[in-house]
Amino acid sequence: MQAHVGDRLVTESNKVDAPRREGDIVEVRGADGAPPYVVRWADGHEGLVYPGDDAHVVPAGG
């Protein structure tokens, strides 16, 4: 997985009733765009994320 600051991280839910999570990548700590990422989620919280198989990156402007 590769990302840049300004891209969006989308994490799909593995439960039927739970919505997916979306947030803005505000910092890339891995080499060459690799995880981990600091993500500002839609609810305003920020956290360090090591995305799993249920996540994908949406490029900025995409």
C-alpha atoms as a PDB file:
ATOM      1  CA  MET A   1       0.000   0.000   0.000  1.00  0.00           C
ATOM      2  CA  GLN A   2       1.313   3.439  -0.952  1.00  0.00           C
ATOM      3  CA  ALA A   3      -0.104   6.805   0.128  1.00  0.00           C
ATOM      4  CA  HIS A   4       0.706  10.492   0.281  1.00  0.00           C
ATOM      5  CA  VAL A   5      -0.363  13.257   2.641  1.00  0.00           C
ATOM      6  CA  GLY A   6      -3.797  14.441   1.485  1.00  0.00           C
ATOM      7  CA  ASP A   7      -4.969  11.020   0.275  1.00  0.00           C
ATOM      8  CA  ARG A   8      -7.952   9.381   1.958  1.00  0.00           C
ATOM      9  CA  LEU A   9      -7.866   6.083   3.799  1.00  0.00           C
ATOM     10  CA  VAL A  10     -11.058   4.036   3.566  1.00  0.00           C
ATOM     11  CA  THR A  11     -11.556   1.080   5.888  1.00  0.00           C
ATOM     12  CA  GLU A  12     -14.464  -1.176   5.008  1.00  0.00           C
ATOM     13  CA  SER A  13     -16.479  -2.654   7.842  1.00  0.00           C
ATOM     14  CA  ASN A  14     -16.423  -6.374   8.453  1.00  0.00           C
ATOM     15  CA  LYS A  15     -19.871  -6.187  10.088  1.00  0.00           C
ATOM     16  CA  VAL A  16     -23.151  -5.827   8.234  1.00  0.00           C
ATOM     17  CA  ASP A  17     -24.538  -2.988  10.377  1.00  0.00           C
ATOM     18  CA  ALA A  18     -21.318  -0.998  10.787  1.00  0.00           C
ATOM     19  CA  PRO A  19     -20.404   1.761   8.328  1.00  0.00           C
ATOM     20  CA  ARG A  20     -17.008   2.060   6.720  1.00  0.00           C
ATOM     21  CA  ARG A  21     -14.541   4.616   8.106  1.00  0.00           C
ATOM     22  CA  GLU A  22     -12.955   7.349   6.043  1.00  0.00           C
ATOM     23  CA  GLY A  23     -10.222   9.765   6.988  1.00  0.00           C
ATOM     24  CA  ASP A  24      -7.524  12.049   5.618  1.00  0.00           C
ATOM     25  CA  ILE A  25      -3.915  10.943   5.750  1.00  0.00           C
ATOM     26  CA  VAL A  26      -2.066  13.749   7.527  1.00  0.00           C
ATOM     27  CA  GLU A  27       1.311  12.044   7.924  1.00  0.00           C
ATOM     28  CA  VAL A  28       3.103   9.129   6.259  1.00  0.00           C
ATOM     29  CA  ARG A  29       5.652   7.523   8.571  1.00  0.00           C
ATOM     30  CA  GLY A  30       6.779   4.616   6.403  1.00  0.00           C
ATOM     31  CA  ALA A  31       9.405   4.719   3.678  1.00  0.00           C
ATOM     32  CA  ASP A  32       8.230   5.611   0.160  1.00  0.00           C
ATOM     33  CA  GLY A  33       4.571   6.057   1.139  1.00  0.00           C
ATOM     34  CA  ALA A  34       4.264   2.840   3.122  1.00  0.00           C
ATOM     35  CA  PRO A  35       2.337   2.532   6.405  1.00  0.00           C
ATOM     36  CA  PRO A  36       1.950   3.459   9.152  1.00  0.00           C
ATOM     37  CA  TYR A  37      -0.144   6.568   8.547  1.00  0.00           C
ATOM     38  CA  VAL A  38      -1.480   9.237  10.851  1.00  0.00           C
ATOM     39  CA  VAL A  39      -5.142   9.599   9.883  1.00  0.00           C
ATOM     40  CA  ARG A  40      -7.653  12.292  10.829  1.00  0.00           C
ATOM     41  CA  TRP A  41     -10.970  10.465  10.817  1.00  0.00           C
ATOM     42  CA  ALA A  42     -14.266  12.083   9.829  1.00  0.00           C
ATOM     43  CA  ASP A  43     -15.211  12.462  13.514  1.00  0.00           C
ATOM     44  CA  GLY A  44     -12.106  14.625  14.107  1.00  0.00           C
ATOM     45  CA  HIS A  45     -10.007  12.059  15.970  1.00  0.00           C
ATOM     46  CA  GLU A  46      -6.458  11.336  14.825  1.00  0.00           C
ATOM     47  CA  GLY A  47      -4.602   8.091  15.189  1.00  0.00           C
ATOM     48  CA  LEU A  48      -1.699   6.016  13.974  1.00  0.00           C
ATOM     49  CA  VAL A  49      -2.964   3.354  11.566  1.00  0.00           C
ATOM     50  CA  TYR A  50      -1.424   0.191  10.178  1.00  0.00           C
ATOM     51  CA  PRO A  51      -4.083  -0.577   7.529  1.00  0.00           C
ATOM     52  CA  GLY A  52      -5.281  -4.138   7.095  1.00  0.00           C
ATOM     53  CA  ASP A  53      -6.667  -5.994   4.099  1.00  0.00           C
ATOM     54  CA  ASP A  54     -10.012  -4.231   4.520  1.00  0.00           C
ATOM     55  CA  ALA A  55      -8.498  -0.786   3.754  1.00  0.00           C
ATOM     56  CA  HIS A  56      -7.623   1.068   0.585  1.00  0.00           C
ATOM     57  CA  VAL A  57      -6.236   4.485  -0.346  1.00  0.00           C
ATOM     58  CA  VAL A  58      -8.101   6.996  -2.486  1.00  0.00           C
ATOM     59  CA  PRO A  59      -5.663   9.459  -4.055  1.00  0.00           C
ATOM     60  CA  ALA A  60      -6.251  13.161  -3.400  1.00  0.00           C
ATOM     61  CA  GLY A  61      -8.524  14.612  -6.041  1.00  0.00           C
ATOM     62  CA  GLY A  62      -9.741  11.128  -6.975  1.00  0.00           C
END
